[in-house]
Amino acid sequence: MHKDILFSFAEEAKRTVLFARFLRNVGWGTEQGIGGFGEEPGIKAQLMNLIRSVRTVMRVPLIAVNSITVVLLLLFG
């Protein structure tokens, strides 16, 4: 059971890193998309900003849901 949890965590971490590298190669990385002063950001920059904002706002509820899920799995298998 514990090996499966560690294995799935390692696989998820690997997927996250690979996905971030893919986005960086496509030009959608975190360091992309901020224009100069007075310029309107493009569609890509606005989409990336929206994705980052949603990820930031949903971090705490996601932690709570994951914690509840882990506790329920430990209690009821």
PDB file of N, CA and C in Angstrom:
ATOM      1  N   MET A   1       0.835  -1.194   0.000  1.00  0.00           N
ATOM      2  CA  MET A   1       0.000   0.000   0.000  1.00  0.00           C
ATOM      3  C   MET A   1       0.875   1.252   0.000  1.00  0.00           C
ATOM      4  N   HIS A   2       1.867   1.311   0.893  1.00  0.00           N
ATOM      5  CA  HIS A   2       2.706   2.504   0.991  1.00  0.00           C
ATOM      6  C   HIS A   2       3.575   2.675  -0.244  1.00  0.00           C
ATOM      7  N   LYS A   3       4.020   1.569  -0.825  1.00  0.00           N
ATOM      8  CA  LYS A   3       4.821   1.655  -2.044  1.00  0.00           C
ATOM      9  C   LYS A   3       3.996   2.249  -3.180  1.00  0.00           C
ATOM     10  N   ASP A   4       2.712   1.870  -3.234  1.00  0.00           N
ATOM     11  CA  ASP A   4       1.837   2.401  -4.280  1.00  0.00           C
ATOM     12  C   ASP A   4       1.653   3.903  -4.137  1.00  0.00           C
ATOM     13  N   ILE A   5       1.503   4.369  -2.906  1.00  0.00           N
ATOM     14  CA  ILE A   5       1.317   5.802  -2.670  1.00  0.00           C
ATOM     15  C   ILE A   5       2.575   6.565  -3.056  1.00  0.00           C
ATOM     16  N   LEU A   6       3.734   6.065  -2.644  1.00  0.00           N
ATOM     17  CA  LEU A   6       4.988   6.737  -2.995  1.00  0.00           C
ATOM     18  C   LEU A   6       5.229   6.701  -4.493  1.00  0.00           C
ATOM     19  N   PHE A   7       4.912   5.575  -5.121  1.00  0.00           N
ATOM     20  CA  PHE A   7       5.095   5.452  -6.561  1.00  0.00           C
ATOM     21  C   PHE A   7       4.188   6.427  -7.300  1.00  0.00           C
ATOM     22  N   SER A   8       2.927   6.527  -6.878  1.00  0.00           N
ATOM     23  CA  SER A   8       2.005   7.440  -7.558  1.00  0.00           C
ATOM     24  C   SER A   8       2.413   8.899  -7.316  1.00  0.00           C
ATOM     25  N   PHE A   9       2.941   9.207  -6.133  1.00  0.00           N
ATOM     26  CA  PHE A   9       3.403  10.565  -5.866  1.00  0.00           C
ATOM     27  C   PHE A   9       4.593  10.907  -6.745  1.00  0.00           C
ATOM     28  N   ALA A  10       5.516   9.963  -6.883  1.00  0.00           N
ATOM     29  CA  ALA A  10       6.688  10.196  -7.729  1.00  0.00           C
ATOM     30  C   ALA A  10       6.282  10.350  -9.189  1.00  0.00           C
ATOM     31  N   GLU A  11       5.341   9.537  -9.638  1.00  0.00           N
ATOM     32  CA  GLU A  11       4.859   9.641 -11.020  1.00  0.00           C
ATOM     33  C   GLU A  11       4.175  10.987 -11.253  1.00  0.00           C
ATOM     34  N   GLU A  12       3.396  11.434 -10.290  1.00  0.00           N
ATOM     35  CA  GLU A  12       2.707  12.726 -10.432  1.00  0.00           C
ATOM     36  C   GLU A  12       3.706  13.873 -10.461  1.00  0.00           C
ATOM     37  N   ALA A  13       4.731  13.804  -9.625  1.00  0.00           N
ATOM     38  CA  ALA A  13       5.765  14.842  -9.629  1.00  0.00           C
ATOM     39  C   ALA A  13       6.497  14.862 -10.965  1.00  0.00           C
ATOM     40  N   LYS A  14       6.796  13.677 -11.497  1.00  0.00           N
ATOM     41  CA  LYS A  14       7.474  13.593 -12.791  1.00  0.00           C
ATOM     42  C   LYS A  14       6.598  14.172 -13.902  1.00  0.00           C
ATOM     43  N   ARG A  15       5.307  13.850 -13.878  1.00  0.00           N
ATOM     44  CA  ARG A  15       4.382  14.393 -14.881  1.00  0.00           C
ATOM     45  C   ARG A  15       4.301  15.909 -14.805  1.00  0.00           C
ATOM     46  N   THR A  16       4.291  16.449 -13.588  1.00  0.00           N
ATOM     47  CA  THR A  16       4.216  17.899 -13.417  1.00  0.00           C
ATOM     48  C   THR A  16       5.444  18.582 -13.994  1.00  0.00           C
ATOM     49  N   VAL A  17       6.611  18.030 -13.721  1.00  0.00           N
ATOM     50  CA  VAL A  17       7.849  18.614 -14.249  1.00  0.00           C
ATOM     51  C   VAL A  17       7.872  18.536 -15.770  1.00  0.00           C
ATOM     52  N   LEU A  18       7.487  17.393 -16.321  1.00  0.00           N
ATOM     53  CA  LEU A  18       7.479  17.243 -17.776  1.00  0.00           C
ATOM     54  C   LEU A  18       6.471  18.184 -18.426  1.00  0.00           C
ATOM     55  N   PHE A  19       5.316  18.363 -17.800  1.00  0.00           N
ATOM     56  CA  PHE A  19       4.307  19.272 -18.342  1.00  0.00           C
ATOM     57  C   PHE A  19       4.806  20.714 -18.304  1.00  0.00           C
ATOM     58  N   ALA A  20       5.472  21.096 -17.213  1.00  0.00           N
ATOM     59  CA  ALA A  20       6.027  22.451 -17.124  1.00  0.00           C
ATOM     60  C   ALA A  20       7.094  22.667 -18.186  1.00  0.00           C
ATOM     61  N   ARG A  21       7.925  21.655 -18.423  1.00  0.00           N
ATOM     62  CA  ARG A  21       8.937  21.770 -19.479  1.00  0.00           C
ATOM     63  C   ARG A  21       8.290  21.889 -20.848  1.00  0.00           C
ATOM     64  N   PHE A  22       7.236  21.119 -21.084  1.00  0.00           N
ATOM     65  CA  PHE A  22       6.519  21.202 -22.355  1.00  0.00           C
ATOM     66  C   PHE A  22       5.946  22.597 -22.558  1.00  0.00           C
ATOM     67  N   LEU A  23       5.304  23.142 -21.519  1.00  0.00           N
ATOM     68  CA  LEU A  23       4.730  24.485 -21.642  1.00  0.00           C
ATOM     69  C   LEU A  23       5.812  25.521 -21.909  1.00  0.00           C
ATOM     70  N   ARG A  24       6.972  25.380 -21.281  1.00  0.00           N
ATOM     71  CA  ARG A  24       8.067  26.317 -21.503  1.00  0.00           C
ATOM     72  C   ARG A  24       8.556  26.231 -22.947  1.00  0.00           C
ATOM     73  N   ASN A  25       8.652  25.020 -23.491  1.00  0.00           N
ATOM     74  CA  ASN A  25       9.094  24.849 -24.876  1.00  0.00           C
ATOM     75  C   ASN A  25       8.101  25.429 -25.870  1.00  0.00           C
ATOM     76  N   VAL A  26       6.825  25.363 -25.555  1.00  0.00           N
ATOM     77  CA  VAL A  26       5.797  25.893 -26.442  1.00  0.00           C
ATOM     78  C   VAL A  26       5.703  27.411 -26.312  1.00  0.00           C
ATOM     79  N   GLY A  27       6.260  27.960 -25.241  1.00  0.00           N
ATOM     80  CA  GLY A  27       6.207  29.401 -25.026  1.00  0.00           C
ATOM     81  C   GLY A  27       5.146  29.821 -24.030  1.00  0.00           C
ATOM     82  N   TRP A  28       4.639  28.866 -23.253  1.00  0.00           N
ATOM     83  CA  TRP A  28       3.610  29.170 -22.267  1.00  0.00           C
ATOM     84  C   TRP A  28       4.142  29.014 -20.848  1.00  0.00           C
ATOM     85  N   GLY A  29       5.435  29.156 -20.667  1.00  0.00           N
ATOM     86  CA  GLY A  29       6.034  29.009 -19.345  1.00  0.00           C
ATOM     87  C   GLY A  29       5.727  30.197 -18.455  1.00  0.00           C
ATOM     88  N   THR A  30       6.166  30.127 -17.219  1.00  0.00           N
ATOM     89  CA  THR A  30       5.860  31.184 -16.257  1.00  0.00           C
ATOM     90  C   THR A  30       6.608  32.468 -16.549  1.00  0.00           C
ATOM     91  N   GLU A  31       7.750  32.389 -17.217  1.00  0.00           N
ATOM     92  CA  GLU A  31       8.520  33.599 -17.483  1.00  0.00           C
ATOM     93  C   GLU A  31       8.099  34.274 -18.784  1.00  0.00           C
ATOM     94  N   GLN A  32       7.095  33.758 -19.455  1.00  0.00           N
ATOM     95  CA  GLN A  32       6.654  34.288 -20.738  1.00  0.00           C
ATOM     96  C   GLN A  32       5.477  35.238 -20.552  1.00  0.00           C
ATOM     97  N   GLY A  33       5.299  36.136 -21.522  1.00  0.00           N
ATOM     98  CA  GLY A  33       4.022  36.811 -21.679  1.00  0.00           C
ATOM     99  C   GLY A  33       3.833  38.147 -21.014  1.00  0.00           C
ATOM    100  N   ILE A  34       4.773  38.705 -20.319  1.00  0.00           N
ATOM    101  CA  ILE A  34       4.590  40.010 -19.707  1.00  0.00           C
ATOM    102  C   ILE A  34       5.206  41.047 -20.633  1.00  0.00           C
ATOM    103  N   GLY A  35       4.374  41.961 -21.109  1.00  0.00           N
ATOM    104  CA  GLY A  35       4.838  42.969 -22.057  1.00  0.00           C
ATOM    105  C   GLY A  35       5.448  44.165 -21.363  1.00  0.00           C
ATOM    106  N   GLY A  36       5.734  45.183 -22.145  1.00  0.00           N
ATOM    107  CA  GLY A  36       6.317  46.401 -21.607  1.00  0.00           C
ATOM    108  C   GLY A  36       5.271  47.299 -20.967  1.00  0.00           C
ATOM    109  N   PHE A  37       5.728  48.411 -20.421  1.00  0.00           N
ATOM    110  CA  PHE A  37       4.843  49.351 -19.741  1.00  0.00           C
ATOM    111  C   PHE A  37       3.886  49.986 -20.744  1.00  0.00           C
ATOM    112  N   GLY A  38       2.603  49.997 -20.418  1.00  0.00           N
ATOM    113  CA  GLY A  38       1.611  50.626 -21.270  1.00  0.00           C
ATOM    114  C   GLY A  38       1.087  49.748 -22.390  1.00  0.00           C
ATOM    115  N   GLU A  39       1.663  48.571 -22.573  1.00  0.00           N
ATOM    116  CA  GLU A  39       1.191  47.666 -23.613  1.00  0.00           C
ATOM    117  C   GLU A  39       0.073  46.790 -23.065  1.00  0.00           C
ATOM    118  N   GLU A  40      -0.892  46.517 -23.925  1.00  0.00           N
ATOM    119  CA  GLU A  40      -1.934  45.567 -23.560  1.00  0.00           C
ATOM    120  C   GLU A  40      -1.367  44.160 -23.694  1.00  0.00           C
ATOM    121  N   PRO A  41      -1.577  43.312 -22.679  1.00  0.00           N
ATOM    122  CA  PRO A  41      -1.077  41.939 -22.806  1.00  0.00           C
ATOM    123  C   PRO A  41      -1.863  41.189 -23.878  1.00  0.00           C
ATOM    124  N   GLY A  42      -1.201  40.279 -24.539  1.00  0.00           N
ATOM    125  CA  GLY A  42      -1.845  39.486 -25.578  1.00  0.00           C
ATOM    126  C   GLY A  42      -2.749  38.423 -24.984  1.00  0.00           C
ATOM    127  N   ILE A  43      -3.435  37.712 -25.869  1.00  0.00           N
ATOM    128  CA  ILE A  43      -4.352  36.656 -25.444  1.00  0.00           C
ATOM    129  C   ILE A  43      -3.611  35.576 -24.662  1.00  0.00           C
ATOM    130  N   LYS A  44      -2.429  35.201 -25.127  1.00  0.00           N
ATOM    131  CA  LYS A  44      -1.664  34.151 -24.450  1.00  0.00           C
ATOM    132  C   LYS A  44      -1.307  34.585 -23.032  1.00  0.00           C
ATOM    133  N   ALA A  45      -0.876  35.821 -22.872  1.00  0.00           N
ATOM    134  CA  ALA A  45      -0.513  36.323 -21.541  1.00  0.00           C
ATOM    135  C   ALA A  45      -1.738  36.384 -20.635  1.00  0.00           C
ATOM    136  N   GLN A  46      -2.874  36.769 -21.191  1.00  0.00           N
ATOM    137  CA  GLN A  46      -4.093  36.826 -20.388  1.00  0.00           C
ATOM    138  C   GLN A  46      -4.536  35.433 -19.951  1.00  0.00           C
ATOM    139  N   LEU A  47      -4.442  34.457 -20.866  1.00  0.00           N
ATOM    140  CA  LEU A  47      -4.806  33.083 -20.509  1.00  0.00           C
ATOM    141  C   LEU A  47      -3.882  32.518 -19.436  1.00  0.00           C
ATOM    142  N   MET A  48      -2.585  32.757 -19.581  1.00  0.00           N
ATOM    143  CA  MET A  48      -1.647  32.262 -18.577  1.00  0.00           C
ATOM    144  C   MET A  48      -1.884  32.931 -17.226  1.00  0.00           C
ATOM    145  N   ASN A  49      -2.202  34.213 -17.239  1.00  0.00           N
ATOM    146  CA  ASN A  49      -2.507  34.924 -15.998  1.00  0.00           C
ATOM    147  C   ASN A  49      -3.771  34.352 -15.354  1.00  0.00           C
ATOM    148  N   LEU A  50      -4.782  34.042 -16.163  1.00  0.00           N
ATOM    149  CA  LEU A  50      -6.010  33.442 -15.641  1.00  0.00           C
ATOM    150  C   LEU A  50      -5.728  32.074 -15.024  1.00  0.00           C
ATOM    151  N   ILE A  51      -4.940  31.252 -15.715  1.00  0.00           N
ATOM    152  CA  ILE A  51      -4.615  29.919 -15.200  1.00  0.00           C
ATOM    153  C   ILE A  51      -3.854  30.026 -13.880  1.00  0.00           C
ATOM    154  N   ARG A  52      -2.876  30.929 -13.805  1.00  0.00           N
ATOM    155  CA  ARG A  52      -2.113  31.108 -12.555  1.00  0.00           C
ATOM    156  C   ARG A  52      -3.012  31.616 -11.430  1.00  0.00           C
ATOM    157  N   SER A  53      -3.935  32.527 -11.756  1.00  0.00           N
ATOM    158  CA  SER A  53      -4.832  33.073 -10.733  1.00  0.00           C
ATOM    159  C   SER A  53      -5.755  32.002 -10.182  1.00  0.00           C
ATOM    160  N   VAL A  54      -6.336  31.193 -11.063  1.00  0.00           N
ATOM    161  CA  VAL A  54      -7.225  30.118 -10.614  1.00  0.00           C
ATOM    162  C   VAL A  54      -6.448  29.112  -9.779  1.00  0.00           C
ATOM    163  N   ARG A  55      -5.236  28.797 -10.197  1.00  0.00           N
ATOM    164  CA  ARG A  55      -4.409  27.856  -9.445  1.00  0.00           C
ATOM    165  C   ARG A  55      -4.109  28.398  -8.048  1.00  0.00           C
ATOM    166  N   THR A  56      -3.855  29.704  -7.946  1.00  0.00           N
ATOM    167  CA  THR A  56      -3.566  30.315  -6.649  1.00  0.00           C
ATOM    168  C   THR A  56      -4.795  30.300  -5.746  1.00  0.00           C
ATOM    169  N   VAL A  57      -5.951  30.643  -6.307  1.00  0.00           N
ATOM    170  CA  VAL A  57      -7.183  30.710  -5.512  1.00  0.00           C
ATOM    171  C   VAL A  57      -7.629  29.322  -5.070  1.00  0.00           C
ATOM    172  N   MET A  58      -7.434  28.317  -5.903  1.00  0.00           N
ATOM    173  CA  MET A  58      -7.920  26.975  -5.598  1.00  0.00           C
ATOM    174  C   MET A  58      -6.944  26.142  -4.774  1.00  0.00           C
ATOM    175  N   ARG A  59      -5.806  26.698  -4.421  1.00  0.00           N
ATOM    176  CA  ARG A  59      -4.794  25.922  -3.695  1.00  0.00           C
ATOM    177  C   ARG A  59      -5.306  25.454  -2.333  1.00  0.00           C
ATOM    178  N   VAL A  60      -5.889  26.345  -1.539  1.00  0.00           N
ATOM    179  CA  VAL A  60      -6.346  25.981  -0.190  1.00  0.00           C
ATOM    180  C   VAL A  60      -7.511  24.995  -0.242  1.00  0.00           C
ATOM    181  N   PRO A  61      -8.555  25.231  -1.070  1.00  0.00           N
ATOM    182  CA  PRO A  61      -9.618  24.212  -1.142  1.00  0.00           C
ATOM    183  C   PRO A  61      -9.106  22.853  -1.625  1.00  0.00           C
ATOM    184  N   LEU A  62      -8.153  22.848  -2.530  1.00  0.00           N
ATOM    185  CA  LEU A  62      -7.610  21.586  -3.017  1.00  0.00           C
ATOM    186  C   LEU A  62      -6.858  20.853  -1.912  1.00  0.00           C
ATOM    187  N   ILE A  63      -6.124  21.583  -1.093  1.00  0.00           N
ATOM    188  CA  ILE A  63      -5.427  20.961   0.039  1.00  0.00           C
ATOM    189  C   ILE A  63      -6.443  20.353   1.002  1.00  0.00           C
ATOM    190  N   ALA A  64      -7.536  21.067   1.261  1.00  0.00           N
ATOM    191  CA  ALA A  64      -8.570  20.556   2.165  1.00  0.00           C
ATOM    192  C   ALA A  64      -9.216  19.291   1.603  1.00  0.00           C
ATOM    193  N   VAL A  65      -9.562  19.306   0.331  1.00  0.00           N
ATOM    194  CA  VAL A  65     -10.188  18.131  -0.289  1.00  0.00           C
ATOM    195  C   VAL A  65      -9.226  16.947  -0.279  1.00  0.00           C
ATOM    196  N   ASN A  66      -7.967  17.185  -0.587  1.00  0.00           N
ATOM    197  CA  ASN A  66      -6.980  16.102  -0.565  1.00  0.00           C
ATOM    198  C   ASN A  66      -6.794  15.545   0.840  1.00  0.00           C
ATOM    199  N   SER A  67      -6.780  16.415   1.840  1.00  0.00           N
ATOM    200  CA  SER A  67      -6.623  15.954   3.226  1.00  0.00           C
ATOM    201  C   SER A  67      -7.805  15.092   3.649  1.00  0.00           C
ATOM    202  N   ILE A  68      -9.006  15.528   3.315  1.00  0.00           N
ATOM    203  CA  ILE A  68     -10.205  14.748   3.646  1.00  0.00           C
ATOM    204  C   ILE A  68     -10.172  13.398   2.940  1.00  0.00           C
ATOM    205  N   THR A  69      -9.764  13.401   1.680  1.00  0.00           N
ATOM    206  CA  THR A  69      -9.681  12.153   0.922  1.00  0.00           C
ATOM    207  C   THR A  69      -8.685  11.186   1.549  1.00  0.00           C
ATOM    208  N   VAL A  70      -7.527  11.689   1.956  1.00  0.00           N
ATOM    209  CA  VAL A  70      -6.516  10.830   2.580  1.00  0.00           C
ATOM    210  C   VAL A  70      -7.042  10.254   3.886  1.00  0.00           C
ATOM    211  N   VAL A  71      -7.689  11.076   4.701  1.00  0.00           N
ATOM    212  CA  VAL A  71      -8.226  10.593   5.978  1.00  0.00           C
ATOM    213  C   VAL A  71      -9.287   9.524   5.735  1.00  0.00           C
ATOM    214  N   LEU A  72     -10.187   9.764   4.777  1.00  0.00           N
ATOM    215  CA  LEU A  72     -11.224   8.771   4.482  1.00  0.00           C
ATOM    216  C   LEU A  72     -10.622   7.470   3.954  1.00  0.00           C
ATOM    217  N   LEU A  73      -9.595   7.581   3.124  1.00  0.00           N
ATOM    218  CA  LEU A  73      -8.941   6.367   2.626  1.00  0.00           C
ATOM    219  C   LEU A  73      -8.243   5.605   3.749  1.00  0.00           C
ATOM    220  N   LEU A  74      -7.653   6.329   4.689  1.00  0.00           N
ATOM    221  CA  LEU A  74      -7.006   5.660   5.819  1.00  0.00           C
ATOM    222  C   LEU A  74      -8.026   4.987   6.737  1.00  0.00           C
ATOM    223  N   LEU A  75      -9.182   5.632   6.922  1.00  0.00           N
ATOM    224  CA  LEU A  75     -10.202   5.070   7.801  1.00  0.00           C
ATOM    225  C   LEU A  75     -10.943   3.896   7.171  1.00  0.00           C
ATOM    226  N   PHE A  76     -11.314   4.038   5.908  1.00  0.00           N
ATOM    227  CA  PHE A  76     -12.192   3.050   5.286  1.00  0.00           C
ATOM    228  C   PHE A  76     -11.517   2.203   4.208  1.00  0.00           C
ATOM    229  N   GLY A  77     -10.241   2.447   3.976  1.00  0.00           N
ATOM    230  CA  GLY A  77      -9.485   1.621   3.033  1.00  0.00           C
ATOM    231  C   GLY A  77      -9.894   1.859   1.652  1.00  0.00           C
TER     232      GLY A  77
END
